Amino acid sequence: MRRVLFGITLAALAAFAVNSRAQEKPPLKLVATTPMPGYTGDFDHFGLDLKGNRVFLASENQKTVEVFDLRTGARLHSIEGFAHPLTMAYLADSNRLVVTEGDIDSLELVDCKSYKIIKTLKLSKNVDHGVLNPVNQYFYVESGAAADGKTHVLSIVDTKTFKVVGEIPGLSGDSNEGMVIDRAGKKLYVNLTGSDEVGVIDLEARRIVAKWQLPNVHVAHAIALDEPHHRLFTATRNPPEFVVYNTDTGKVVASLPCVGVNSDMSIDVARKRIYVTGSDTASVFEQRDADHYEHLAEVPTAFRAKSSIFVPQLSRLYIADSGKGKPDAKLALQIFEAQ
């Protein structure tokens, strides 16, 4: 039945949403754009320094981490010296930034006062995604692909000592996509693209304790966790689908079409919304209750505008417009205000 209801194209769905809500305010309003002339390729993921009023963004082709003013969007600085910056986490207690490096399979430690790389930690091959445990400040890094490509590990880095303190083995495939950790710092959820599953990891035991199969969709990228409602959200690329799991049972409770080439997803708790960012639009969903979701709009963004971060304190969604595969693409930082 769901496939009948949602078997139309995303473009048609967006047109319907625009027409039916013509008299209403759009859920996201563009309030600032910072052009990045001369920049090419992809931007990857963001980092946030709320107290310091800064947002950080990895620029893959330029081999830099860009620093922007959180409120105005003005570009403040370009941190240089990287080989291939990808994901990052800001460490508020030390005013430092950890950044994964794809080409040299390392983790960089950046002093955010001097904007200099001060330490490099070598890891095993295929370094890419990372996620910070909010409780113990451990940083979990995708790495360690086996020679046969069938498994990889998460390296565990203590950001206080900047040393590897262990690993979590046995993740399927040679890589994974998005990861998220609960507020208690006990469980990590990961998109296992090698097996089309969501993996659940016990961080105390350092092992996978459950795997949830994707519902006839593939290549899950974006991920977000709704702890109060015991729900995990993921978004796939083939086909583009927004999928909702019950974290108590591991069962899928809802699934709707969403934007393609997605990378990031955010929950707007105050408005009961979920934002999924991909190429050309941002999909906006409203949570009616734990099991029911409505597609509100496809908000126009830009080409490969897949990387994003939502800052609830400011009710703003920051989106990076990339250019990989499009020579005339206009790279920029866009700031949208939730309405």
C-alpha atoms as a PDB file:
ATOM      1  CA  MET A   1       0.000   0.000   0.000  1.00  0.00           C
ATOM      2  CA  ARG A   2       2.837   2.388   0.858  1.00  0.00           C
ATOM      3  CA  ARG A   3       4.412   1.841  -2.539  1.00  0.00           C
ATOM      4  CA  VAL A   4       1.131   2.821  -4.181  1.00  0.00           C
ATOM      5  CA  LEU A   5       0.924   5.994  -2.134  1.00  0.00           C
ATOM      6  CA  PHE A   6       4.543   6.967  -2.646  1.00  0.00           C
ATOM      7  CA  GLY A   7       5.286   5.409  -6.024  1.00  0.00           C
ATOM      8  CA  ILE A   8       5.398   8.812  -7.703  1.00  0.00           C
ATOM      9  CA  THR A   9       8.668  10.560  -8.434  1.00  0.00           C
ATOM     10  CA  LEU A  10      10.260  12.838  -5.868  1.00  0.00           C
ATOM     11  CA  ALA A  11       9.872  15.748  -8.293  1.00  0.00           C
ATOM     12  CA  ALA A  12       6.129  15.187  -8.480  1.00  0.00           C
ATOM     13  CA  LEU A  13       5.974  14.874  -4.720  1.00  0.00           C
ATOM     14  CA  ALA A  14       7.800  18.163  -4.335  1.00  0.00           C
ATOM     15  CA  ALA A  15       5.455  19.874  -6.803  1.00  0.00           C
ATOM     16  CA  PHE A  16       2.436  18.591  -4.931  1.00  0.00           C
ATOM     17  CA  ALA A  17       3.860  19.804  -1.621  1.00  0.00           C
ATOM     18  CA  VAL A  18       4.531  23.271  -3.064  1.00  0.00           C
ATOM     19  CA  ASN A  19       1.057  23.562  -4.591  1.00  0.00           C
ATOM     20  CA  SER A  20      -0.822  22.276  -1.563  1.00  0.00           C
ATOM     21  CA  ARG A  21       1.090  24.529   0.805  1.00  0.00           C
ATOM     22  CA  ALA A  22       1.274  27.610  -1.396  1.00  0.00           C
ATOM     23  CA  GLN A  23      -0.328  29.796   1.266  1.00  0.00           C
ATOM     24  CA  GLU A  24       1.927  28.536   4.061  1.00  0.00           C
ATOM     25  CA  LYS A  25       5.442  29.506   5.038  1.00  0.00           C
ATOM     26  CA  PRO A  26       8.113  27.107   3.768  1.00  0.00           C
ATOM     27  CA  PRO A  27       9.655  25.048   6.586  1.00  0.00           C
ATOM     28  CA  LEU A  28      13.123  26.419   5.754  1.00  0.00           C
ATOM     29  CA  LYS A  29      14.001  29.947   4.654  1.00  0.00           C
ATOM     30  CA  LEU A  30      17.356  30.841   3.087  1.00  0.00           C
ATOM     31  CA  VAL A  31      18.819  33.705   5.145  1.00  0.00           C
ATOM     32  CA  ALA A  32      22.491  33.803   4.092  1.00  0.00           C
ATOM     33  CA  THR A  33      24.822  32.496   1.402  1.00  0.00           C
ATOM     34  CA  THR A  34      28.617  32.594   1.490  1.00  0.00           C
ATOM     35  CA  PRO A  35      30.025  32.013  -2.023  1.00  0.00           C
ATOM     36  CA  MET A  36      33.280  30.049  -2.263  1.00  0.00           C
ATOM     37  CA  PRO A  37      34.751  31.224  -5.603  1.00  0.00           C
ATOM     38  CA  GLY A  38      37.645  29.159  -6.906  1.00  0.00           C
ATOM     39  CA  TYR A  39      36.656  26.125  -4.825  1.00  0.00           C
ATOM     40  CA  THR A  40      36.018  22.813  -6.585  1.00  0.00           C
ATOM     41  CA  GLY A  41      35.019  19.256  -5.750  1.00  0.00           C
ATOM     42  CA  ASP A  42      33.179  18.145  -2.654  1.00  0.00           C
ATOM     43  CA  PHE A  43      32.762  19.557   0.789  1.00  0.00           C
ATOM     44  CA  ASP A  44      32.436  16.767   3.330  1.00  0.00           C
ATOM     45  CA  HIS A  45      31.249  17.047   6.932  1.00  0.00           C
ATOM     46  CA  PHE A  46      30.809  19.856   9.477  1.00  0.00           C
ATOM     47  CA  GLY A  47      32.036  20.487  13.012  1.00  0.00           C
ATOM     48  CA  LEU A  48      30.458  22.890  15.523  1.00  0.00           C
ATOM     49  CA  ASP A  49      31.872  25.236  18.160  1.00  0.00           C
ATOM     50  CA  LEU A  50      28.695  26.752  19.577  1.00  0.00           C
ATOM     51  CA  LYS A  51      30.312  28.772  22.372  1.00  0.00           C
ATOM     52  CA  GLY A  52      33.003  30.119  20.059  1.00  0.00           C
ATOM     53  CA  ASN A  53      30.458  31.001  17.368  1.00  0.00           C
ATOM     54  CA  ARG A  54      32.212  28.905  14.704  1.00  0.00           C
ATOM     55  CA  VAL A  55      31.294  26.183  12.262  1.00  0.00           C
ATOM     56  CA  PHE A  56      33.964  24.096  10.530  1.00  0.00           C
ATOM     57  CA  LEU A  57      33.709  22.411   7.116  1.00  0.00           C
ATOM     58  CA  ALA A  58      36.008  19.930   5.349  1.00  0.00           C
ATOM     59  CA  SER A  59      36.979  20.957   1.810  1.00  0.00           C
ATOM     60  CA  GLU A  60      38.289  17.818   0.119  1.00  0.00           C
ATOM     61  CA  ASN A  61      39.839  19.197  -3.089  1.00  0.00           C
ATOM     62  CA  GLN A  62      41.332  22.265  -1.423  1.00  0.00           C
ATOM     63  CA  LYS A  63      42.758  20.059   1.379  1.00  0.00           C
ATOM     64  CA  THR A  64      41.562  22.547   3.994  1.00  0.00           C
ATOM     65  CA  VAL A  65      39.109  22.898   6.840  1.00  0.00           C
ATOM     66  CA  GLU A  66      37.138  26.088   6.392  1.00  0.00           C
ATOM     67  CA  VAL A  67      36.062  28.155   9.399  1.00  0.00           C
ATOM     68  CA  PHE A  68      32.882  30.276   9.297  1.00  0.00           C
ATOM     69  CA  ASP A  69      31.144  32.672  11.649  1.00  0.00           C
ATOM     70  CA  LEU A  70      28.152  30.733  12.969  1.00  0.00           C
ATOM     71  CA  ARG A  71      25.760  33.678  12.912  1.00  0.00           C
ATOM     72  CA  THR A  72      26.735  35.595   9.788  1.00  0.00           C
ATOM     73  CA  GLY A  73      28.222  32.809   7.677  1.00  0.00           C
ATOM     74  CA  ALA A  74      31.324  34.914   6.971  1.00  0.00           C
ATOM     75  CA  ARG A  75      34.443  32.883   6.210  1.00  0.00           C
ATOM     76  CA  LEU A  76      36.985  33.447   8.968  1.00  0.00           C
ATOM     77  CA  HIS A  77      39.916  31.215   8.121  1.00  0.00           C
ATOM     78  CA  SER A  78      41.225  28.290   6.059  1.00  0.00           C
ATOM     79  CA  ILE A  79      43.105  25.676   8.099  1.00  0.00           C
ATOM     80  CA  GLU A  80      45.801  24.178   5.846  1.00  0.00           C
ATOM     81  CA  GLY A  81      48.107  21.183   5.924  1.00  0.00           C
ATOM     82  CA  PHE A  82      45.619  18.372   5.307  1.00  0.00           C
ATOM     83  CA  ALA A  83      45.819  15.624   2.693  1.00  0.00           C
ATOM     84  CA  HIS A  84      42.122  14.708   2.462  1.00  0.00           C
ATOM     85  CA  PRO A  85      39.934  16.038   5.326  1.00  0.00           C
ATOM     86  CA  LEU A  86      36.625  14.237   5.783  1.00  0.00           C
ATOM     87  CA  THR A  87      34.822  14.096   9.144  1.00  0.00           C
ATOM     88  CA  MET A  88      35.533  15.938  12.357  1.00  0.00           C
ATOM     89  CA  ALA A  89      34.525  16.679  15.927  1.00  0.00           C
ATOM     90  CA  TYR A  90      35.153  19.808  17.981  1.00  0.00           C
ATOM     91  CA  LEU A  91      36.519  19.274  21.511  1.00  0.00           C
ATOM     92  CA  ALA A  92      35.125  22.140  23.564  1.00  0.00           C
ATOM     93  CA  ASP A  93      37.200  21.492  26.723  1.00  0.00           C
ATOM     94  CA  SER A  94      40.505  21.873  24.896  1.00  0.00           C
ATOM     95  CA  ASN A  95      39.469  24.126  21.984  1.00  0.00           C
ATOM     96  CA  ARG A  96      40.739  21.532  19.544  1.00  0.00           C
ATOM     97  CA  LEU A  97      39.407  19.732  16.498  1.00  0.00           C
ATOM     98  CA  VAL A  98      39.943  16.112  15.441  1.00  0.00           C
ATOM     99  CA  VAL A  99      39.775  15.512  11.680  1.00  0.00           C
ATOM    100  CA  THR A 100      39.903  12.239   9.748  1.00  0.00           C
ATOM    101  CA  GLU A 101      42.262  12.078   6.753  1.00  0.00           C
ATOM    102  CA  GLY A 102      41.231   9.823   3.878  1.00  0.00           C
ATOM    103  CA  ASP A 103      44.311   9.606   1.655  1.00  0.00           C
ATOM    104  CA  ILE A 104      46.913   9.114   4.379  1.00  0.00           C
ATOM    105  CA  ASP A 105      44.698   7.138   6.805  1.00  0.00           C
ATOM    106  CA  SER A 106      45.356   9.354   9.789  1.00  0.00           C
ATOM    107  CA  LEU A 107      43.662  11.475  12.408  1.00  0.00           C
ATOM    108  CA  GLU A 108      44.725  15.105  12.821  1.00  0.00           C
ATOM    109  CA  LEU A 109      44.551  17.171  15.994  1.00  0.00           C
ATOM    110  CA  VAL A 110      44.073  20.892  15.357  1.00  0.00           C
ATOM    111  CA  ASP A 111      44.650  23.744  17.804  1.00  0.00           C
ATOM    112  CA  CYS A 112      41.657  26.023  17.149  1.00  0.00           C
ATOM    113  CA  LYS A 113      43.387  29.078  18.602  1.00  0.00           C
ATOM    114  CA  SER A 114      46.347  29.031  16.232  1.00  0.00           C
ATOM    115  CA  TYR A 115      44.493  27.051  13.532  1.00  0.00           C
ATOM    116  CA  LYS A 116      47.475  24.698  13.197  1.00  0.00           C
ATOM    117  CA  ILE A 117      47.721  20.910  13.055  1.00  0.00           C
ATOM    118  CA  ILE A 118      49.651  19.977  16.203  1.00  0.00           C
ATOM    119  CA  LYS A 119      49.535  16.164  16.133  1.00  0.00           C
ATOM    120  CA  THR A 120      49.007  13.365  13.619  1.00  0.00           C
ATOM    121  CA  LEU A 121      47.920   9.861  14.603  1.00  0.00           C
ATOM    122  CA  LYS A 122      48.486   7.116  12.017  1.00  0.00           C
ATOM    123  CA  LEU A 123      45.632   4.586  11.712  1.00  0.00           C
ATOM    124  CA  SER A 124      45.017   1.558   9.511  1.00  0.00           C
ATOM    125  CA  LYS A 125      43.759   1.852   5.935  1.00  0.00           C
ATOM    126  CA  ASN A 126      40.414   3.194   4.669  1.00  0.00           C
ATOM    127  CA  VAL A 127      39.980   5.968   7.249  1.00  0.00           C
ATOM    128  CA  ASP A 128      36.809   7.948   6.643  1.00  0.00           C
ATOM    129  CA  HIS A 129      33.874   8.511   9.007  1.00  0.00           C
ATOM    130  CA  GLY A 130      34.232   9.295  12.686  1.00  0.00           C
ATOM    131  CA  VAL A 131      31.897   9.985  15.607  1.00  0.00           C
ATOM    132  CA  LEU A 132      32.522  11.387  19.098  1.00  0.00           C
ATOM    133  CA  ASN A 133      31.237   9.737  22.271  1.00  0.00           C
ATOM    134  CA  PRO A 134      29.730  12.628  24.289  1.00  0.00           C
ATOM    135  CA  VAL A 135      30.448  10.935  27.625  1.00  0.00           C
ATOM    136  CA  ASN A 136      34.054   9.706  27.555  1.00  0.00           C
ATOM    137  CA  GLN A 137      35.237  11.773  24.559  1.00  0.00           C
ATOM    138  CA  TYR A 138      36.381   8.707  22.647  1.00  0.00           C
ATOM    139  CA  PHE A 139      36.403   9.158  18.873  1.00  0.00           C
ATOM    140  CA  TYR A 140      35.401   6.115  16.813  1.00  0.00           C
ATOM    141  CA  VAL A 141      37.004   6.050  13.356  1.00  0.00           C
ATOM    142  CA  GLU A 142      36.150   3.833  10.392  1.00  0.00           C
ATOM    143  CA  SER A 143      39.386   2.077   9.348  1.00  0.00           C
ATOM    144  CA  GLY A 144      41.169  -1.263   9.140  1.00  0.00           C
ATOM    145  CA  ALA A 145      39.670  -2.781   6.005  1.00  0.00           C
ATOM    146  CA  ALA A 146      40.609  -6.444   5.617  1.00  0.00           C
ATOM    147  CA  ALA A 147      42.579  -7.529   2.537  1.00  0.00           C
ATOM    148  CA  ASP A 148      39.539  -9.341   1.136  1.00  0.00           C
ATOM    149  CA  GLY A 149      37.320  -6.278   1.678  1.00  0.00           C
ATOM    150  CA  LYS A 150      34.771  -8.283   3.646  1.00  0.00           C
ATOM    151  CA  THR A 151      35.223  -6.586   7.023  1.00  0.00           C
ATOM    152  CA  HIS A 152      36.653  -3.487   8.681  1.00  0.00           C
ATOM    153  CA  VAL A 153      36.976  -2.060  12.183  1.00  0.00           C
ATOM    154  CA  LEU A 154      36.302   1.066  14.184  1.00  0.00           C
ATOM    155  CA  SER A 155      39.483   2.378  15.776  1.00  0.00           C
ATOM    156  CA  ILE A 156      38.887   3.899  19.224  1.00  0.00           C
ATOM    157  CA  VAL A 157      40.881   7.051  19.955  1.00  0.00           C
ATOM    158  CA  ASP A 158      40.993   8.709  23.376  1.00  0.00           C
ATOM    159  CA  THR A 159      40.908  12.388  22.388  1.00  0.00           C
ATOM    160  CA  LYS A 160      42.372  13.423  25.757  1.00  0.00           C
ATOM    161  CA  THR A 161      45.602  11.476  25.192  1.00  0.00           C
ATOM    162  CA  PHE A 162      45.283  11.283  21.391  1.00  0.00           C
ATOM    163  CA  LYS A 163      46.125   7.582  21.438  1.00  0.00           C
ATOM    164  CA  VAL A 164      44.404   4.470  20.107  1.00  0.00           C
ATOM    165  CA  VAL A 165      42.907   2.572  23.043  1.00  0.00           C
ATOM    166  CA  GLY A 166      41.197  -0.275  21.212  1.00  0.00           C
ATOM    167  CA  GLU A 167      39.033  -1.269  18.284  1.00  0.00           C
ATOM    168  CA  ILE A 168      35.659  -2.727  17.419  1.00  0.00           C
ATOM    169  CA  PRO A 169      36.091  -5.549  14.878  1.00  0.00           C
ATOM    170  CA  GLY A 170      33.832  -7.326  12.438  1.00  0.00           C
ATOM    171  CA  LEU A 171      31.945  -4.556  10.653  1.00  0.00           C
ATOM    172  CA  SER A 172      30.750  -5.833   7.286  1.00  0.00           C
ATOM    173  CA  GLY A 173      32.327  -4.557   4.068  1.00  0.00           C
ATOM    174  CA  ASP A 174      35.446  -2.447   3.650  1.00  0.00           C
ATOM    175  CA  SER A 175      33.730   0.748   4.796  1.00  0.00           C
ATOM    176  CA  ASN A 176      30.639   2.232   6.422  1.00  0.00           C
ATOM    177  CA  GLU A 177      28.693   5.470   6.248  1.00  0.00           C
ATOM    178  CA  GLY A 178      26.947   7.548   8.931  1.00  0.00           C
ATOM    179  CA  MET A 179      27.292   6.795  12.659  1.00  0.00           C
ATOM    180  CA  VAL A 180      25.512   8.121  15.744  1.00  0.00           C
ATOM    181  CA  ILE A 181      25.961   7.511  19.495  1.00  0.00           C
ATOM    182  CA  ASP A 182      23.285   7.759  22.183  1.00  0.00           C
ATOM    183  CA  ARG A 183      23.523  10.413  24.901  1.00  0.00           C
ATOM    184  CA  ALA A 184      24.523   7.857  27.530  1.00  0.00           C
ATOM    185  CA  GLY A 185      27.521   6.895  25.436  1.00  0.00           C
ATOM    186  CA  LYS A 186      26.599   3.205  25.490  1.00  0.00           C
ATOM    187  CA  LYS A 187      25.357   2.379  21.985  1.00  0.00           C
ATOM    188  CA  LEU A 188      26.609   3.265  18.531  1.00  0.00           C
ATOM    189  CA  TYR A 189      24.448   2.882  15.423  1.00  0.00           C
ATOM    190  CA  VAL A 190      26.164   2.589  12.044  1.00  0.00           C
ATOM    191  CA  ASN A 191      25.115   2.304   8.405  1.00  0.00           C
ATOM    192  CA  LEU A 192      26.803  -0.873   7.139  1.00  0.00           C
ATOM    193  CA  THR A 193      26.862  -0.278   3.401  1.00  0.00           C
ATOM    194  CA  GLY A 194      28.725  -3.534   2.797  1.00  0.00           C
ATOM    195  CA  SER A 195      25.708  -5.605   3.833  1.00  0.00           C
ATOM    196  CA  ASP A 196      22.758  -3.160   3.575  1.00  0.00           C
ATOM    197  CA  GLU A 197      22.230  -3.235   7.326  1.00  0.00           C
ATOM    198  CA  VAL A 198      22.179  -0.927  10.322  1.00  0.00           C
ATOM    199  CA  GLY A 199      24.609  -2.193  12.937  1.00  0.00           C
ATOM    200  CA  VAL A 200      24.102  -1.746  16.683  1.00  0.00           C
ATOM    201  CA  ILE A 201      27.301  -1.693  18.741  1.00  0.00           C
ATOM    202  CA  ASP A 202      27.644  -2.090  22.507  1.00  0.00           C
ATOM    203  CA  LEU A 203      30.409   0.393  23.316  1.00  0.00           C
ATOM    204  CA  GLU A 204      31.234  -1.148  26.690  1.00  0.00           C
ATOM    205  CA  ALA A 205      31.602  -4.642  25.230  1.00  0.00           C
ATOM    206  CA  ARG A 206      33.103  -3.222  22.001  1.00  0.00           C
ATOM    207  CA  ARG A 207      31.168  -5.544  19.738  1.00  0.00           C
ATOM    208  CA  ILE A 208      28.218  -5.618  17.357  1.00  0.00           C
ATOM    209  CA  VAL A 209      25.127  -6.867  19.188  1.00  0.00           C
ATOM    210  CA  ALA A 210      22.492  -6.535  16.453  1.00  0.00           C
ATOM    211  CA  LYS A 211      22.078  -5.977  12.710  1.00  0.00           C
ATOM    212  CA  TRP A 212      18.898  -4.641  11.124  1.00  0.00           C
ATOM    213  CA  GLN A 213      18.330  -5.324   7.447  1.00  0.00           C
ATOM    214  CA  LEU A 214      17.338  -2.469   5.150  1.00  0.00           C
ATOM    215  CA  PRO A 215      13.828  -2.895   3.657  1.00  0.00           C
ATOM    216  CA  ASN A 216      14.673  -3.621  -0.003  1.00  0.00           C
ATOM    217  CA  VAL A 217      16.657  -0.390  -0.315  1.00  0.00           C
ATOM    218  CA  HIS A 218      20.412   0.070  -0.537  1.00  0.00           C
ATOM    219  CA  VAL A 219      23.418   2.270   0.299  1.00  0.00           C
ATOM    220  CA  ALA A 220      22.375   3.951   3.545  1.00  0.00           C
ATOM    221  CA  HIS A 221      24.250   7.203   4.222  1.00  0.00           C
ATOM    222  CA  ALA A 222      22.557   9.747   6.502  1.00  0.00           C
ATOM    223  CA  ILE A 223      21.593   8.725  10.051  1.00  0.00           C
ATOM    224  CA  ALA A 224      20.002  10.292  13.154  1.00  0.00           C
ATOM    225  CA  LEU A 225      18.749   9.031  16.525  1.00  0.00           C
ATOM    226  CA  ASP A 226      15.453   9.995  18.205  1.00  0.00           C
ATOM    227  CA  GLU A 227      15.978   8.657  21.714  1.00  0.00           C
ATOM    228  CA  PRO A 228      12.743   9.893  23.379  1.00  0.00           C
ATOM    229  CA  HIS A 229      10.642   7.969  20.841  1.00  0.00           C
ATOM    230  CA  HIS A 230      13.027   5.004  20.555  1.00  0.00           C
ATOM    231  CA  ARG A 231      13.472   5.563  16.830  1.00  0.00           C
ATOM    232  CA  LEU A 232      16.449   5.501  14.490  1.00  0.00           C
ATOM    233  CA  PHE A 233      16.284   7.317  11.149  1.00  0.00           C
ATOM    234  CA  THR A 234      18.407   6.412   8.152  1.00  0.00           C
ATOM    235  CA  ALA A 235      18.364   7.534   4.522  1.00  0.00           C
ATOM    236  CA  THR A 236      19.446   5.476   1.524  1.00  0.00           C
ATOM    237  CA  ARG A 237      20.599   6.425  -1.976  1.00  0.00           C
ATOM    238  CA  ASN A 238      19.367   3.500  -4.069  1.00  0.00           C
ATOM    239  CA  PRO A 239      16.528   4.265  -4.177  1.00  0.00           C
ATOM    240  CA  PRO A 240      16.461   7.463  -2.075  1.00  0.00           C
ATOM    241  CA  GLU A 241      14.390   6.487   0.952  1.00  0.00           C
ATOM    242  CA  PHE A 242      13.836   7.781   4.493  1.00  0.00           C
ATOM    243  CA  VAL A 243      13.545   4.755   6.800  1.00  0.00           C
ATOM    244  CA  VAL A 244      12.413   4.633  10.444  1.00  0.00           C
ATOM    245  CA  TYR A 245      13.395   1.814  12.830  1.00  0.00           C
ATOM    246  CA  ASN A 246      12.035   0.971  16.264  1.00  0.00           C
ATOM    247  CA  THR A 247      15.230   0.713  18.349  1.00  0.00           C
ATOM    248  CA  ASP A 248      13.575  -1.668  20.821  1.00  0.00           C
ATOM    249  CA  THR A 249      12.689  -4.248  18.175  1.00  0.00           C
ATOM    250  CA  GLY A 250      14.889  -3.412  15.179  1.00  0.00           C
ATOM    251  CA  LYS A 251      11.781  -3.382  12.985  1.00  0.00           C
ATOM    252  CA  VAL A 252      10.975  -0.837  10.276  1.00  0.00           C
ATOM    253  CA  VAL A 253       7.887   1.205  11.184  1.00  0.00           C
ATOM    254  CA  ALA A 254       7.837   3.738   8.321  1.00  0.00           C
ATOM    255  CA  SER A 255       9.492   4.446   4.968  1.00  0.00           C
ATOM    256  CA  LEU A 256       9.058   7.363   2.559  1.00  0.00           C
ATOM    257  CA  PRO A 257      10.891   8.645  -0.548  1.00  0.00           C
ATOM    258  CA  CYS A 258      13.492  11.360   0.080  1.00  0.00           C
ATOM    259  CA  VAL A 259      16.193  13.367  -1.694  1.00  0.00           C
ATOM    260  CA  GLY A 260      18.975  11.476  -3.474  1.00  0.00           C
ATOM    261  CA  VAL A 261      22.746  11.672  -2.924  1.00  0.00           C
ATOM    262  CA  ASN A 262      22.017  12.322   0.748  1.00  0.00           C
ATOM    263  CA  SER A 263      24.782  12.439   3.357  1.00  0.00           C
ATOM    264  CA  ASP A 264      23.444  14.139   6.473  1.00  0.00           C
ATOM    265  CA  MET A 265      20.258  14.223   8.503  1.00  0.00           C
ATOM    266  CA  SER A 266      19.166  16.314  11.501  1.00  0.00           C
ATOM    267  CA  ILE A 267      16.275  16.270  13.954  1.00  0.00           C
ATOM    268  CA  ASP A 268      14.525  19.533  14.806  1.00  0.00           C
ATOM    269  CA  VAL A 269      12.985  18.531  18.142  1.00  0.00           C
ATOM    270  CA  ALA A 270      11.128  21.810  18.704  1.00  0.00           C
ATOM    271  CA  ARG A 271       9.231  21.509  15.417  1.00  0.00           C
ATOM    272  CA  LYS A 272       9.054  17.691  15.300  1.00  0.00           C
ATOM    273  CA  ARG A 273      10.852  17.669  11.954  1.00  0.00           C
ATOM    274  CA  ILE A 274      13.612  15.748  10.243  1.00  0.00           C
ATOM    275  CA  TYR A 275      15.834  17.370   7.603  1.00  0.00           C
ATOM    276  CA  VAL A 276      17.596  15.154   5.027  1.00  0.00           C
ATOM    277  CA  THR A 277      20.056  16.927   2.730  1.00  0.00           C
ATOM    278  CA  GLY A 278      21.117  15.709  -0.725  1.00  0.00           C
ATOM    279  CA  SER A 279      21.548  17.025  -4.242  1.00  0.00           C
ATOM    280  CA  ASP A 280      19.365  20.011  -5.242  1.00  0.00           C
ATOM    281  CA  THR A 281      16.882  19.852  -2.334  1.00  0.00           C
ATOM    282  CA  ALA A 282      16.477  19.177   1.362  1.00  0.00           C
ATOM    283  CA  SER A 283      13.681  16.762   2.274  1.00  0.00           C
ATOM    284  CA  VAL A 284      11.604  17.905   5.239  1.00  0.00           C
ATOM    285  CA  PHE A 285       9.519  15.395   7.203  1.00  0.00           C
ATOM    286  CA  GLU A 286       7.169  15.982  10.120  1.00  0.00           C
ATOM    287  CA  GLN A 287       6.850  13.427  12.886  1.00  0.00           C
ATOM    288  CA  ARG A 288       3.167  12.973  13.702  1.00  0.00           C
ATOM    289  CA  ASP A 289       3.994  10.329  16.302  1.00  0.00           C
ATOM    290  CA  ALA A 290       6.653   7.648  16.682  1.00  0.00           C
ATOM    291  CA  ASP A 291       5.272   5.574  13.795  1.00  0.00           C
ATOM    292  CA  HIS A 292       3.792   8.174  11.448  1.00  0.00           C
ATOM    293  CA  TYR A 293       5.618  10.733   9.289  1.00  0.00           C
ATOM    294  CA  GLU A 294       4.534  13.247   6.679  1.00  0.00           C
ATOM    295  CA  HIS A 295       6.596  14.645   3.827  1.00  0.00           C
ATOM    296  CA  LEU A 296       6.291  18.441   4.174  1.00  0.00           C
ATOM    297  CA  ALA A 297       8.475  19.817   1.401  1.00  0.00           C
ATOM    298  CA  GLU A 298      11.479  19.586  -0.882  1.00  0.00           C
ATOM    299  CA  VAL A 299      13.305  22.840  -0.180  1.00  0.00           C
ATOM    300  CA  PRO A 300      15.535  23.968  -3.090  1.00  0.00           C
ATOM    301  CA  THR A 301      19.243  24.051  -2.214  1.00  0.00           C
ATOM    302  CA  ALA A 302      22.005  23.391  -4.800  1.00  0.00           C
ATOM    303  CA  PHE A 303      23.981  20.732  -6.646  1.00  0.00           C
ATOM    304  CA  ARG A 304      25.387  18.045  -4.297  1.00  0.00           C
ATOM    305  CA  ALA A 305      24.275  20.044  -1.255  1.00  0.00           C
ATOM    306  CA  LYS A 306      24.482  16.840   0.742  1.00  0.00           C
ATOM    307  CA  SER A 307      26.480  17.851   3.829  1.00  0.00           C
ATOM    308  CA  SER A 308      24.691  19.732   6.588  1.00  0.00           C
ATOM    309  CA  ILE A 309      24.394  20.415  10.298  1.00  0.00           C
ATOM    310  CA  PHE A 310      21.395  21.724  12.255  1.00  0.00           C
ATOM    311  CA  VAL A 311      22.004  24.037  15.223  1.00  0.00           C
ATOM    312  CA  PRO A 312      18.847  23.939  17.371  1.00  0.00           C
ATOM    313  CA  GLN A 313      19.960  26.837  19.576  1.00  0.00           C
ATOM    314  CA  LEU A 314      19.770  29.104  16.515  1.00  0.00           C
ATOM    315  CA  SER A 315      17.043  27.201  14.608  1.00  0.00           C
ATOM    316  CA  ARG A 316      19.377  27.127  11.626  1.00  0.00           C
ATOM    317  CA  LEU A 317      20.394  24.495   9.101  1.00  0.00           C
ATOM    318  CA  TYR A 318      23.845  24.924   7.531  1.00  0.00           C
ATOM    319  CA  ILE A 319      24.289  23.298   4.099  1.00  0.00           C
ATOM    320  CA  ALA A 320      27.448  22.946   1.990  1.00  0.00           C
ATOM    321  CA  ASP A 321      26.943  23.219  -1.785  1.00  0.00           C
ATOM    322  CA  SER A 322      29.528  20.994  -3.500  1.00  0.00           C
ATOM    323  CA  GLY A 323      30.720  20.666  -7.085  1.00  0.00           C
ATOM    324  CA  LYS A 324      32.092  17.169  -7.734  1.00  0.00           C
ATOM    325  CA  GLY A 325      31.344  16.162 -11.310  1.00  0.00           C
ATOM    326  CA  LYS A 326      30.098  19.608 -12.352  1.00  0.00           C
ATOM    327  CA  PRO A 327      32.832  22.016 -13.538  1.00  0.00           C
ATOM    328  CA  ASP A 328      30.545  25.059 -13.479  1.00  0.00           C
ATOM    329  CA  ALA A 329      29.073  24.365 -10.032  1.00  0.00           C
ATOM    330  CA  LYS A 330      29.011  27.324  -7.655  1.00  0.00           C
ATOM    331  CA  LEU A 331      30.259  26.121  -4.293  1.00  0.00           C
ATOM    332  CA  ALA A 332      28.915  27.920  -1.227  1.00  0.00           C
ATOM    333  CA  LEU A 333      27.736  27.731   2.349  1.00  0.00           C
ATOM    334  CA  GLN A 334      23.985  28.220   2.680  1.00  0.00           C
ATOM    335  CA  ILE A 335      22.211  29.034   5.952  1.00  0.00           C
ATOM    336  CA  PHE A 336      18.527  28.232   6.304  1.00  0.00           C
ATOM    337  CA  GLU A 337      16.287  29.323   9.155  1.00  0.00           C
ATOM    338  CA  ALA A 338      13.578  26.941  10.376  1.00  0.00           C
ATOM    339  CA  GLN A 339      10.089  28.496  10.331  1.00  0.00           C
END
